[in-house]
Amino acid sequence: MNDRVLSLLGLAAKGRNLKSGEFSTEKAVKEGRAAMVIIGNDASDNTKKKFTNMCAFYNTPIYFYSDKVQLGRAIGREMRTSVAVTDEGMAANIMKRLEES
C-alpha cells in the first residue's frame, strides 16, 4: 500500500483542503468543490455505487483506496469511508501517487 497517499491526505486535512465523511464528501461534490474523491475499499456496495454515480454525473475523479480505519487515521479522525480533496494541486499530486501504485 502506498503510505505516501495517506501522508498527503493528512497534509490536505491539516491545510483544510479536505472534507471527510459521507455527508461532507457528498456536499463538496455537489457544490463543485471536490477536486477528487477517495472511498475506502471496505465501504458498502451501496456507498460505492452512490459515489461512483455521483462523481460520474459531476465529473469528479473517484478512487477506491485503503480502508475506513486507515483513511480516518491518516486525517487524524475516527473511521472515514469517504474523503474529498478540495485543492486542485493536492488532488493532482494524490492522483499521481494513486496511479503509480
PDB file of N, CA and C in Angstrom:
ATOM      1  N   MET A   1       0.844  -1.192   0.000  1.00  0.00           N
ATOM      2  CA  MET A   1       0.000   0.000   0.000  1.00  0.00           C
ATOM      3  C   MET A   1       0.883   1.248   0.000  1.00  0.00           C
ATOM      4  N   ASN A   2       0.431   2.261  -0.698  1.00  0.00           N
ATOM      5  CA  ASN A   2       1.207   3.481  -0.856  1.00  0.00           C
ATOM      6  C   ASN A   2       0.970   4.432   0.320  1.00  0.00           C
ATOM      7  N   ASP A   3       1.852   4.390   1.333  1.00  0.00           N
ATOM      8  CA  ASP A   3       1.705   5.242   2.512  1.00  0.00           C
ATOM      9  C   ASP A   3       1.842   6.715   2.177  1.00  0.00           C
ATOM     10  N   ARG A   4       2.460   7.012   1.053  1.00  0.00           N
ATOM     11  CA  ARG A   4       2.619   8.405   0.610  1.00  0.00           C
ATOM     12  C   ARG A   4       1.243   9.056   0.402  1.00  0.00           C
ATOM     13  N   VAL A   5       0.300   8.296  -0.120  1.00  0.00           N
ATOM     14  CA  VAL A   5      -1.058   8.816  -0.335  1.00  0.00           C
ATOM     15  C   VAL A   5      -1.685   9.195   0.997  1.00  0.00           C
ATOM     16  N   LEU A   6      -1.549   8.333   1.993  1.00  0.00           N
ATOM     17  CA  LEU A   6      -2.119   8.618   3.304  1.00  0.00           C
ATOM     18  C   LEU A   6      -1.451   9.846   3.930  1.00  0.00           C
ATOM     19  N   SER A   7      -0.141  10.002   3.735  1.00  0.00           N
ATOM     20  CA  SER A   7       0.566  11.181   4.241  1.00  0.00           C
ATOM     21  C   SER A   7       0.041  12.447   3.578  1.00  0.00           C
ATOM     22  N   LEU A   8      -0.197  12.383   2.273  1.00  0.00           N
ATOM     23  CA  LEU A   8      -0.713  13.549   1.549  1.00  0.00           C
ATOM     24  C   LEU A   8      -2.135  13.886   1.996  1.00  0.00           C
ATOM     25  N   LEU A   9      -2.921  12.865   2.307  1.00  0.00           N
ATOM     26  CA  LEU A   9      -4.270  13.128   2.828  1.00  0.00           C
ATOM     27  C   LEU A   9      -4.184  13.842   4.175  1.00  0.00           C
ATOM     28  N   GLY A  10      -3.223  13.442   4.992  1.00  0.00           N
ATOM     29  CA  GLY A  10      -3.013  14.112   6.272  1.00  0.00           C
ATOM     30  C   GLY A  10      -2.633  15.572   6.088  1.00  0.00           C
ATOM     31  N   LEU A  11      -1.768  15.847   5.116  1.00  0.00           N
ATOM     32  CA  LEU A  11      -1.384  17.233   4.815  1.00  0.00           C
ATOM     33  C   LEU A  11      -2.584  18.033   4.315  1.00  0.00           C
ATOM     34  N   ALA A  12      -3.393  17.423   3.478  1.00  0.00           N
ATOM     35  CA  ALA A  12      -4.592  18.103   2.965  1.00  0.00           C
ATOM     36  C   ALA A  12      -5.539  18.440   4.110  1.00  0.00           C
ATOM     37  N   ALA A  13      -5.678  17.518   5.053  1.00  0.00           N
ATOM     38  CA  ALA A  13      -6.552  17.758   6.206  1.00  0.00           C
ATOM     39  C   ALA A  13      -6.024  18.904   7.063  1.00  0.00           C
ATOM     40  N   LYS A  14      -4.720  18.918   7.302  1.00  0.00           N
ATOM     41  CA  LYS A  14      -4.120  19.989   8.104  1.00  0.00           C
ATOM     42  C   LYS A  14      -4.266  21.348   7.427  1.00  0.00           C
ATOM     43  N   GLY A  15      -4.221  21.340   6.095  1.00  0.00           N
ATOM     44  CA  GLY A  15      -4.365  22.580   5.343  1.00  0.00           C
ATOM     45  C   GLY A  15      -5.817  22.948   5.074  1.00  0.00           C
ATOM     46  N   ARG A  16      -6.730  22.208   5.677  1.00  0.00           N
ATOM     47  CA  ARG A  16      -8.174  22.435   5.487  1.00  0.00           C
ATOM     48  C   ARG A  16      -8.595  22.335   4.023  1.00  0.00           C
ATOM     49  N   ASN A  17      -7.960  21.416   3.303  1.00  0.00           N
ATOM     50  CA  ASN A  17      -8.281  21.167   1.899  1.00  0.00           C
ATOM     51  C   ASN A  17      -8.916  19.802   1.719  1.00  0.00           C
ATOM     52  N   LEU A  18      -9.627  19.346   2.754  1.00  0.00           N
ATOM     53  CA  LEU A  18     -10.207  18.016   2.713  1.00  0.00           C
ATOM     54  C   LEU A  18     -11.526  18.000   3.471  1.00  0.00           C
ATOM     55  N   LYS A  19     -12.508  17.325   2.905  1.00  0.00           N
ATOM     56  CA  LYS A  19     -13.787  17.097   3.582  1.00  0.00           C
ATOM     57  C   LYS A  19     -13.890  15.597   3.797  1.00  0.00           C
ATOM     58  N   SER A  20     -14.357  15.186   4.989  1.00  0.00           N
ATOM     59  CA  SER A  20     -14.437  13.753   5.261  1.00  0.00           C
ATOM     60  C   SER A  20     -15.811  13.376   5.778  1.00  0.00           C
ATOM     61  N   GLY A  21     -16.143  12.109   5.600  1.00  0.00           N
ATOM     62  CA  GLY A  21     -17.461  11.616   5.985  1.00  0.00           C
ATOM     63  C   GLY A  21     -18.396  11.703   4.792  1.00  0.00           C
ATOM     64  N   GLU A  22     -19.394  10.824   4.782  1.00  0.00           N
ATOM     65  CA  GLU A  22     -20.278  10.748   3.618  1.00  0.00           C
ATOM     66  C   GLU A  22     -21.008  12.053   3.333  1.00  0.00           C
ATOM     67  N   PHE A  23     -21.572  12.672   4.369  1.00  0.00           N
ATOM     68  CA  PHE A  23     -22.359  13.886   4.155  1.00  0.00           C
ATOM     69  C   PHE A  23     -21.498  15.023   3.602  1.00  0.00           C
ATOM     70  N   SER A  24     -20.350  15.276   4.227  1.00  0.00           N
ATOM     71  CA  SER A  24     -19.465  16.367   3.792  1.00  0.00           C
ATOM     72  C   SER A  24     -18.874  16.103   2.416  1.00  0.00           C
ATOM     73  N   THR A  25     -18.536  14.850   2.139  1.00  0.00           N
ATOM     74  CA  THR A  25     -17.994  14.491   0.828  1.00  0.00           C
ATOM     75  C   THR A  25     -19.046  14.716  -0.249  1.00  0.00           C
ATOM     76  N   GLU A  26     -20.262  14.243   0.008  1.00  0.00           N
ATOM     77  CA  GLU A  26     -21.351  14.417  -0.948  1.00  0.00           C
ATOM     78  C   GLU A  26     -21.613  15.900  -1.213  1.00  0.00           C
ATOM     79  N   LYS A  27     -21.642  16.694  -0.159  1.00  0.00           N
ATOM     80  CA  LYS A  27     -21.877  18.137  -0.280  1.00  0.00           C
ATOM     81  C   LYS A  27     -20.790  18.799  -1.125  1.00  0.00           C
ATOM     82  N   ALA A  28     -19.525  18.439  -0.889  1.00  0.00           N
ATOM     83  CA  ALA A  28     -18.406  19.017  -1.650  1.00  0.00           C
ATOM     84  C   ALA A  28     -18.518  18.679  -3.135  1.00  0.00           C
ATOM     85  N   VAL A  29     -18.906  17.444  -3.444  1.00  0.00           N
ATOM     86  CA  VAL A  29     -19.051  17.031  -4.847  1.00  0.00           C
ATOM     87  C   VAL A  29     -20.185  17.821  -5.502  1.00  0.00           C
ATOM     88  N   LYS A  30     -21.329  17.872  -4.849  1.00  0.00           N
ATOM     89  CA  LYS A  30     -22.499  18.541  -5.433  1.00  0.00           C
ATOM     90  C   LYS A  30     -22.307  20.048  -5.577  1.00  0.00           C
ATOM     91  N   GLU A  31     -21.480  20.643  -4.718  1.00  0.00           N
ATOM     92  CA  GLU A  31     -21.211  22.081  -4.816  1.00  0.00           C
ATOM     93  C   GLU A  31     -20.049  22.383  -5.764  1.00  0.00           C
ATOM     94  N   GLY A  32     -19.450  21.332  -6.330  1.00  0.00           N
ATOM     95  CA  GLY A  32     -18.355  21.514  -7.285  1.00  0.00           C
ATOM     96  C   GLY A  32     -17.031  21.867  -6.642  1.00  0.00           C
ATOM     97  N   ARG A  33     -16.894  21.650  -5.345  1.00  0.00           N
ATOM     98  CA  ARG A  33     -15.656  21.986  -4.641  1.00  0.00           C
ATOM     99  C   ARG A  33     -14.691  20.812  -4.548  1.00  0.00           C
ATOM    100  N   ALA A  34     -15.153  19.602  -4.829  1.00  0.00           N
ATOM    101  CA  ALA A  34     -14.290  18.415  -4.714  1.00  0.00           C
ATOM    102  C   ALA A  34     -13.452  18.248  -5.981  1.00  0.00           C
ATOM    103  N   ALA A  35     -12.133  18.243  -5.805  1.00  0.00           N
ATOM    104  CA  ALA A  35     -11.234  18.005  -6.931  1.00  0.00           C
ATOM    105  C   ALA A  35     -11.078  16.508  -7.175  1.00  0.00           C
ATOM    106  N   MET A  36     -11.305  15.712  -6.134  1.00  0.00           N
ATOM    107  CA  MET A  36     -11.263  14.249  -6.239  1.00  0.00           C
ATOM    108  C   MET A  36     -11.906  13.652  -5.006  1.00  0.00           C
ATOM    109  N   VAL A  37     -12.330  12.386  -5.125  1.00  0.00           N
ATOM    110  CA  VAL A  37     -12.950  11.661  -4.013  1.00  0.00           C
ATOM    111  C   VAL A  37     -12.216  10.343  -3.837  1.00  0.00           C
ATOM    112  N   ILE A  38     -12.003   9.969  -2.584  1.00  0.00           N
ATOM    113  CA  ILE A  38     -11.430   8.655  -2.269  1.00  0.00           C
ATOM    114  C   ILE A  38     -12.416   7.932  -1.360  1.00  0.00           C
ATOM    115  N   ILE A  39     -12.738   6.693  -1.740  1.00  0.00           N
ATOM    116  CA  ILE A  39     -13.640   5.838  -0.966  1.00  0.00           C
ATOM    117  C   ILE A  39     -12.830   4.641  -0.477  1.00  0.00           C
ATOM    118  N   GLY A  40     -13.011   4.263   0.777  1.00  0.00           N
ATOM    119  CA  GLY A  40     -12.331   3.086   1.317  1.00  0.00           C
ATOM    120  C   GLY A  40     -12.778   1.819   0.601  1.00  0.00           C
ATOM    121  N   ASN A  41     -11.844   0.924   0.369  1.00  0.00           N
ATOM    122  CA  ASN A  41     -12.168  -0.340  -0.313  1.00  0.00           C
ATOM    123  C   ASN A  41     -13.202  -1.169   0.443  1.00  0.00           C
ATOM    124  N   ASP A  42     -13.284  -0.969   1.763  1.00  0.00           N
ATOM    125  CA  ASP A  42     -14.219  -1.772   2.551  1.00  0.00           C
ATOM    126  C   ASP A  42     -15.568  -1.073   2.758  1.00  0.00           C
ATOM    127  N   ALA A  43     -15.843  -0.045   1.969  1.00  0.00           N
ATOM    128  CA  ALA A  43     -17.153   0.614   2.028  1.00  0.00           C
ATOM    129  C   ALA A  43     -18.217  -0.339   1.488  1.00  0.00           C
ATOM    130  N   SER A  44     -19.461  -0.109   1.862  1.00  0.00           N
ATOM    131  CA  SER A  44     -20.536  -0.975   1.384  1.00  0.00           C
ATOM    132  C   SER A  44     -20.717  -0.799  -0.124  1.00  0.00           C
ATOM    133  N   ASP A  45     -21.272  -1.815  -0.765  1.00  0.00           N
ATOM    134  CA  ASP A  45     -21.531  -1.737  -2.200  1.00  0.00           C
ATOM    135  C   ASP A  45     -22.448  -0.566  -2.524  1.00  0.00           C
ATOM    136  N   ASN A  46     -23.412  -0.314  -1.645  1.00  0.00           N
ATOM    137  CA  ASN A  46     -24.348   0.781  -1.855  1.00  0.00           C
ATOM    138  C   ASN A  46     -23.617   2.131  -1.843  1.00  0.00           C
ATOM    139  N   THR A  47     -22.698   2.311  -0.902  1.00  0.00           N
ATOM    140  CA  THR A  47     -21.919   3.549  -0.814  1.00  0.00           C
ATOM    141  C   THR A  47     -21.039   3.712  -2.046  1.00  0.00           C
ATOM    142  N   LYS A  48     -20.381   2.641  -2.455  1.00  0.00           N
ATOM    143  CA  LYS A  48     -19.523   2.700  -3.645  1.00  0.00           C
ATOM    144  C   LYS A  48     -20.332   3.095  -4.875  1.00  0.00           C
ATOM    145  N   LYS A  49     -21.507   2.488  -5.033  1.00  0.00           N
ATOM    146  CA  LYS A  49     -22.366   2.783  -6.189  1.00  0.00           C
ATOM    147  C   LYS A  49     -22.839   4.236  -6.141  1.00  0.00           C
ATOM    148  N   LYS A  50     -23.266   4.681  -4.976  1.00  0.00           N
ATOM    149  CA  LYS A  50     -23.758   6.051  -4.807  1.00  0.00           C
ATOM    150  C   LYS A  50     -22.696   7.069  -5.222  1.00  0.00           C
ATOM    151  N   PHE A  51     -21.473   6.908  -4.708  1.00  0.00           N
ATOM    152  CA  PHE A  51     -20.419   7.868  -5.018  1.00  0.00           C
ATOM    153  C   PHE A  51     -19.906   7.720  -6.443  1.00  0.00           C
ATOM    154  N   THR A  52     -19.879   6.501  -6.969  1.00  0.00           N
ATOM    155  CA  THR A  52     -19.462   6.303  -8.359  1.00  0.00           C
ATOM    156  C   THR A  52     -20.407   7.040  -9.294  1.00  0.00           C
ATOM    157  N   ASN A  53     -21.713   6.872  -9.080  1.00  0.00           N
ATOM    158  CA  ASN A  53     -22.707   7.541  -9.921  1.00  0.00           C
ATOM    159  C   ASN A  53     -22.646   9.060  -9.765  1.00  0.00           C
ATOM    160  N   MET A  54     -22.534   9.518  -8.526  1.00  0.00           N
ATOM    161  CA  MET A  54     -22.488  10.957  -8.252  1.00  0.00           C
ATOM    162  C   MET A  54     -21.257  11.596  -8.898  1.00  0.00           C
ATOM    163  N   CYS A  55     -20.100  10.955  -8.732  1.00  0.00           N
ATOM    164  CA  CYS A  55     -18.868  11.511  -9.284  1.00  0.00           C
ATOM    165  C   CYS A  55     -18.888  11.498 -10.817  1.00  0.00           C
ATOM    166  N   ALA A  56     -19.496  10.482 -11.394  1.00  0.00           N
ATOM    167  CA  ALA A  56     -19.632  10.444 -12.858  1.00  0.00           C
ATOM    168  C   ALA A  56     -20.502  11.609 -13.328  1.00  0.00           C
ATOM    169  N   PHE A  57     -21.607  11.845 -12.637  1.00  0.00           N
ATOM    170  CA  PHE A  57     -22.531  12.919 -13.004  1.00  0.00           C
ATOM    171  C   PHE A  57     -21.869  14.291 -12.877  1.00  0.00           C
ATOM    172  N   TYR A  58     -21.110  14.500 -11.788  1.00  0.00           N
ATOM    173  CA  TYR A  58     -20.472  15.798 -11.538  1.00  0.00           C
ATOM    174  C   TYR A  58     -19.045  15.872 -12.093  1.00  0.00           C
ATOM    175  N   ASN A  59     -18.644  14.846 -12.834  1.00  0.00           N
ATOM    176  CA  ASN A  59     -17.331  14.804 -13.489  1.00  0.00           C
ATOM    177  C   ASN A  59     -16.182  15.013 -12.487  1.00  0.00           C
ATOM    178  N   THR A  60     -16.235  14.256 -11.401  1.00  0.00           N
ATOM    179  CA  THR A  60     -15.222  14.318 -10.348  1.00  0.00           C
ATOM    180  C   THR A  60     -14.470  12.988 -10.310  1.00  0.00           C
ATOM    181  N   PRO A  61     -13.139  13.007 -10.353  1.00  0.00           N
ATOM    182  CA  PRO A  61     -12.384  11.748 -10.277  1.00  0.00           C
ATOM    183  C   PRO A  61     -12.657  11.027  -8.947  1.00  0.00           C
ATOM    184  N   ILE A  62     -12.797   9.708  -9.031  1.00  0.00           N
ATOM    185  CA  ILE A  62     -13.039   8.906  -7.828  1.00  0.00           C
ATOM    186  C   ILE A  62     -12.055   7.743  -7.807  1.00  0.00           C
ATOM    187  N   TYR A  63     -11.561   7.448  -6.620  1.00  0.00           N
ATOM    188  CA  TYR A  63     -10.633   6.331  -6.425  1.00  0.00           C
ATOM    189  C   TYR A  63     -11.087   5.513  -5.231  1.00  0.00           C
ATOM    190  N   PHE A  64     -10.811   4.222  -5.288  1.00  0.00           N
ATOM    191  CA  PHE A  64     -11.080   3.320  -4.170  1.00  0.00           C
ATOM    192  C   PHE A  64      -9.722   2.916  -3.620  1.00  0.00           C
ATOM    193  N   TYR A  65      -9.500   3.227  -2.332  1.00  0.00           N
ATOM    194  CA  TYR A  65      -8.165   3.057  -1.774  1.00  0.00           C
ATOM    195  C   TYR A  65      -8.228   2.744  -0.292  1.00  0.00           C
ATOM    196  N   SER A  66      -7.327   1.908   0.160  1.00  0.00           N
ATOM    197  CA  SER A  66      -7.132   1.603   1.575  1.00  0.00           C
ATOM    198  C   SER A  66      -8.416   1.106   2.234  1.00  0.00           C
ATOM    199  N   ASP A  67      -8.602   1.445   3.495  1.00  0.00           N
ATOM    200  CA  ASP A  67      -9.817   1.054   4.210  1.00  0.00           C
ATOM    201  C   ASP A  67     -10.251   2.190   5.133  1.00  0.00           C
ATOM    202  N   LYS A  68     -11.423   2.040   5.721  1.00  0.00           N
ATOM    203  CA  LYS A  68     -12.006   3.100   6.548  1.00  0.00           C
ATOM    204  C   LYS A  68     -11.097   3.512   7.707  1.00  0.00           C
ATOM    205  N   VAL A  69     -10.508   2.537   8.360  1.00  0.00           N
ATOM    206  CA  VAL A  69      -9.655   2.818   9.520  1.00  0.00           C
ATOM    207  C   VAL A  69      -8.424   3.617   9.092  1.00  0.00           C
ATOM    208  N   GLN A  70      -7.753   3.190   8.031  1.00  0.00           N
ATOM    209  CA  GLN A  70      -6.545   3.876   7.561  1.00  0.00           C
ATOM    210  C   GLN A  70      -6.858   5.280   7.054  1.00  0.00           C
ATOM    211  N   LEU A  71      -7.973   5.441   6.333  1.00  0.00           N
ATOM    212  CA  LEU A  71      -8.356   6.781   5.858  1.00  0.00           C
ATOM    213  C   LEU A  71      -8.587   7.716   7.042  1.00  0.00           C
ATOM    214  N   GLY A  72      -9.302   7.234   8.039  1.00  0.00           N
ATOM    215  CA  GLY A  72      -9.559   8.038   9.223  1.00  0.00           C
ATOM    216  C   GLY A  72      -8.285   8.381   9.967  1.00  0.00           C
ATOM    217  N   ARG A  73      -7.438   7.390  10.165  1.00  0.00           N
ATOM    218  CA  ARG A  73      -6.181   7.587  10.888  1.00  0.00           C
ATOM    219  C   ARG A  73      -5.286   8.597  10.155  1.00  0.00           C
ATOM    220  N   ALA A  74      -5.275   8.542   8.832  1.00  0.00           N
ATOM    221  CA  ALA A  74      -4.429   9.438   8.043  1.00  0.00           C
ATOM    222  C   ALA A  74      -4.792  10.901   8.253  1.00  0.00           C
ATOM    223  N   ILE A  75      -6.067  11.169   8.527  1.00  0.00           N
ATOM    224  CA  ILE A  75      -6.500  12.562   8.696  1.00  0.00           C
ATOM    225  C   ILE A  75      -6.763  12.913  10.163  1.00  0.00           C
ATOM    226  N   GLY A  76      -6.360  12.019  11.057  1.00  0.00           N
ATOM    227  CA  GLY A  76      -6.475  12.303  12.485  1.00  0.00           C
ATOM    228  C   GLY A  76      -7.890  12.196  13.023  1.00  0.00           C
ATOM    229  N   ARG A  77      -8.679  11.315  12.438  1.00  0.00           N
ATOM    230  CA  ARG A  77     -10.067  11.142  12.862  1.00  0.00           C
ATOM    231  C   ARG A  77     -10.355   9.665  13.099  1.00  0.00           C
ATOM    232  N   GLU A  78     -11.611   9.403  13.463  1.00  0.00           N
ATOM    233  CA  GLU A  78     -12.070   8.016  13.558  1.00  0.00           C
ATOM    234  C   GLU A  78     -12.196   7.465  12.136  1.00  0.00           C
ATOM    235  N   MET A  79     -12.823   6.319  11.997  1.00  0.00           N
ATOM    236  CA  MET A  79     -13.016   5.724  10.673  1.00  0.00           C
ATOM    237  C   MET A  79     -13.703   6.713   9.728  1.00  0.00           C
ATOM    238  N   ARG A  80     -13.246   6.746   8.496  1.00  0.00           N
ATOM    239  CA  ARG A  80     -13.863   7.568   7.463  1.00  0.00           C
ATOM    240  C   ARG A  80     -14.007   6.729   6.201  1.00  0.00           C
ATOM    241  N   THR A  81     -15.223   6.623   5.706  1.00  0.00           N
ATOM    242  CA  THR A  81     -15.485   5.857   4.493  1.00  0.00           C
ATOM    243  C   THR A  81     -15.101   6.651   3.261  1.00  0.00           C
ATOM    244  N   SER A  82     -15.316   7.961   3.318  1.00  0.00           N
ATOM    245  CA  SER A  82     -15.072   8.785   2.141  1.00  0.00           C
ATOM    246  C   SER A  82     -14.402  10.101   2.508  1.00  0.00           C
ATOM    247  N   VAL A  83     -13.559  10.575   1.594  1.00  0.00           N
ATOM    248  CA  VAL A  83     -12.940  11.888   1.737  1.00  0.00           C
ATOM    249  C   VAL A  83     -12.947  12.579   0.378  1.00  0.00           C
ATOM    250  N   ALA A  84     -13.072  13.898   0.406  1.00  0.00           N
ATOM    251  CA  ALA A  84     -12.993  14.715  -0.806  1.00  0.00           C
ATOM    252  C   ALA A  84     -11.860  15.708  -0.638  1.00  0.00           C
ATOM    253  N   VAL A  85     -10.942  15.725  -1.587  1.00  0.00           N
ATOM    254  CA  VAL A  85      -9.849  16.700  -1.578  1.00  0.00           C
ATOM    255  C   VAL A  85     -10.331  17.911  -2.365  1.00  0.00           C
ATOM    256  N   THR A  86     -10.241  19.095  -1.760  1.00  0.00           N
ATOM    257  CA  THR A  86     -10.801  20.296  -2.388  1.00  0.00           C
ATOM    258  C   THR A  86      -9.751  21.182  -3.066  1.00  0.00           C
ATOM    259  N   ASP A  87      -8.481  20.881  -2.881  1.00  0.00           N
ATOM    260  CA  ASP A  87      -7.409  21.653  -3.520  1.00  0.00           C
ATOM    261  C   ASP A  87      -6.954  20.931  -4.788  1.00  0.00           C
ATOM    262  N   GLU A  88      -6.987  21.640  -5.932  1.00  0.00           N
ATOM    263  CA  GLU A  88      -6.639  21.025  -7.222  1.00  0.00           C
ATOM    264  C   GLU A  88      -5.208  20.486  -7.255  1.00  0.00           C
ATOM    265  N   GLY A  89      -4.259  21.270  -6.758  1.00  0.00           N
ATOM    266  CA  GLY A  89      -2.855  20.848  -6.784  1.00  0.00           C
ATOM    267  C   GLY A  89      -2.606  19.625  -5.918  1.00  0.00           C
ATOM    268  N   MET A  90      -3.172  19.631  -4.729  1.00  0.00           N
ATOM    269  CA  MET A  90      -3.033  18.492  -3.821  1.00  0.00           C
ATOM    270  C   MET A  90      -3.693  17.258  -4.436  1.00  0.00           C
ATOM    271  N   ALA A  91      -4.869  17.450  -5.027  1.00  0.00           N
ATOM    272  CA  ALA A  91      -5.582  16.325  -5.661  1.00  0.00           C
ATOM    273  C   ALA A  91      -4.761  15.746  -6.808  1.00  0.00           C
ATOM    274  N   ALA A  92      -4.150  16.598  -7.608  1.00  0.00           N
ATOM    275  CA  ALA A  92      -3.329  16.124  -8.733  1.00  0.00           C
ATOM    276  C   ALA A  92      -2.161  15.288  -8.221  1.00  0.00           C
ATOM    277  N   ASN A  93      -1.540  15.735  -7.141  1.00  0.00           N
ATOM    278  CA  ASN A  93      -0.415  15.010  -6.551  1.00  0.00           C
ATOM    279  C   ASN A  93      -0.870  13.648  -6.016  1.00  0.00           C
ATOM    280  N   ILE A  94      -2.000  13.609  -5.339  1.00  0.00           N
ATOM    281  CA  ILE A  94      -2.511  12.358  -4.789  1.00  0.00           C
ATOM    282  C   ILE A  94      -2.907  11.405  -5.920  1.00  0.00           C
ATOM    283  N   MET A  95      -3.570  11.917  -6.950  1.00  0.00           N
ATOM    284  CA  MET A  95      -3.965  11.059  -8.076  1.00  0.00           C
ATOM    285  C   MET A  95      -2.745  10.459  -8.761  1.00  0.00           C
ATOM    286  N   LYS A  96      -1.682  11.254  -8.895  1.00  0.00           N
ATOM    287  CA  LYS A  96      -0.440  10.751  -9.485  1.00  0.00           C
ATOM    288  C   LYS A  96       0.094   9.579  -8.670  1.00  0.00           C
ATOM    289  N   ARG A  97       0.104   9.729  -7.349  1.00  0.00           N
ATOM    290  CA  ARG A  97       0.588   8.660  -6.470  1.00  0.00           C
ATOM    291  C   ARG A  97      -0.307   7.418  -6.560  1.00  0.00           C
ATOM    292  N   LEU A  98      -1.616   7.636  -6.618  1.00  0.00           N
ATOM    293  CA  LEU A  98      -2.549   6.508  -6.700  1.00  0.00           C
ATOM    294  C   LEU A  98      -2.356   5.726  -7.998  1.00  0.00           C
ATOM    295  N   GLU A  99      -2.090   6.422  -9.076  1.00  0.00           N
ATOM    296  CA  GLU A  99      -1.924   5.757 -10.358  1.00  0.00           C
ATOM    297  C   GLU A  99      -0.589   5.030 -10.472  1.00  0.00           C
ATOM    298  N   GLU A 100       0.376   5.432  -9.634  1.00  0.00           N
ATOM    299  CA  GLU A 100       1.674   4.747  -9.597  1.00  0.00           C
ATOM    300  C   GLU A 100       1.573   3.394  -8.894  1.00  0.00           C
ATOM    301  N   SER A 101       0.636   3.298  -7.931  1.00  0.00           N
ATOM    302  CA  SER A 101       0.558   2.065  -7.134  1.00  0.00           C
ATOM    303  C   SER A 101      -0.261   0.993  -7.793  1.00  0.00           C
TER     304      SER A 101
END
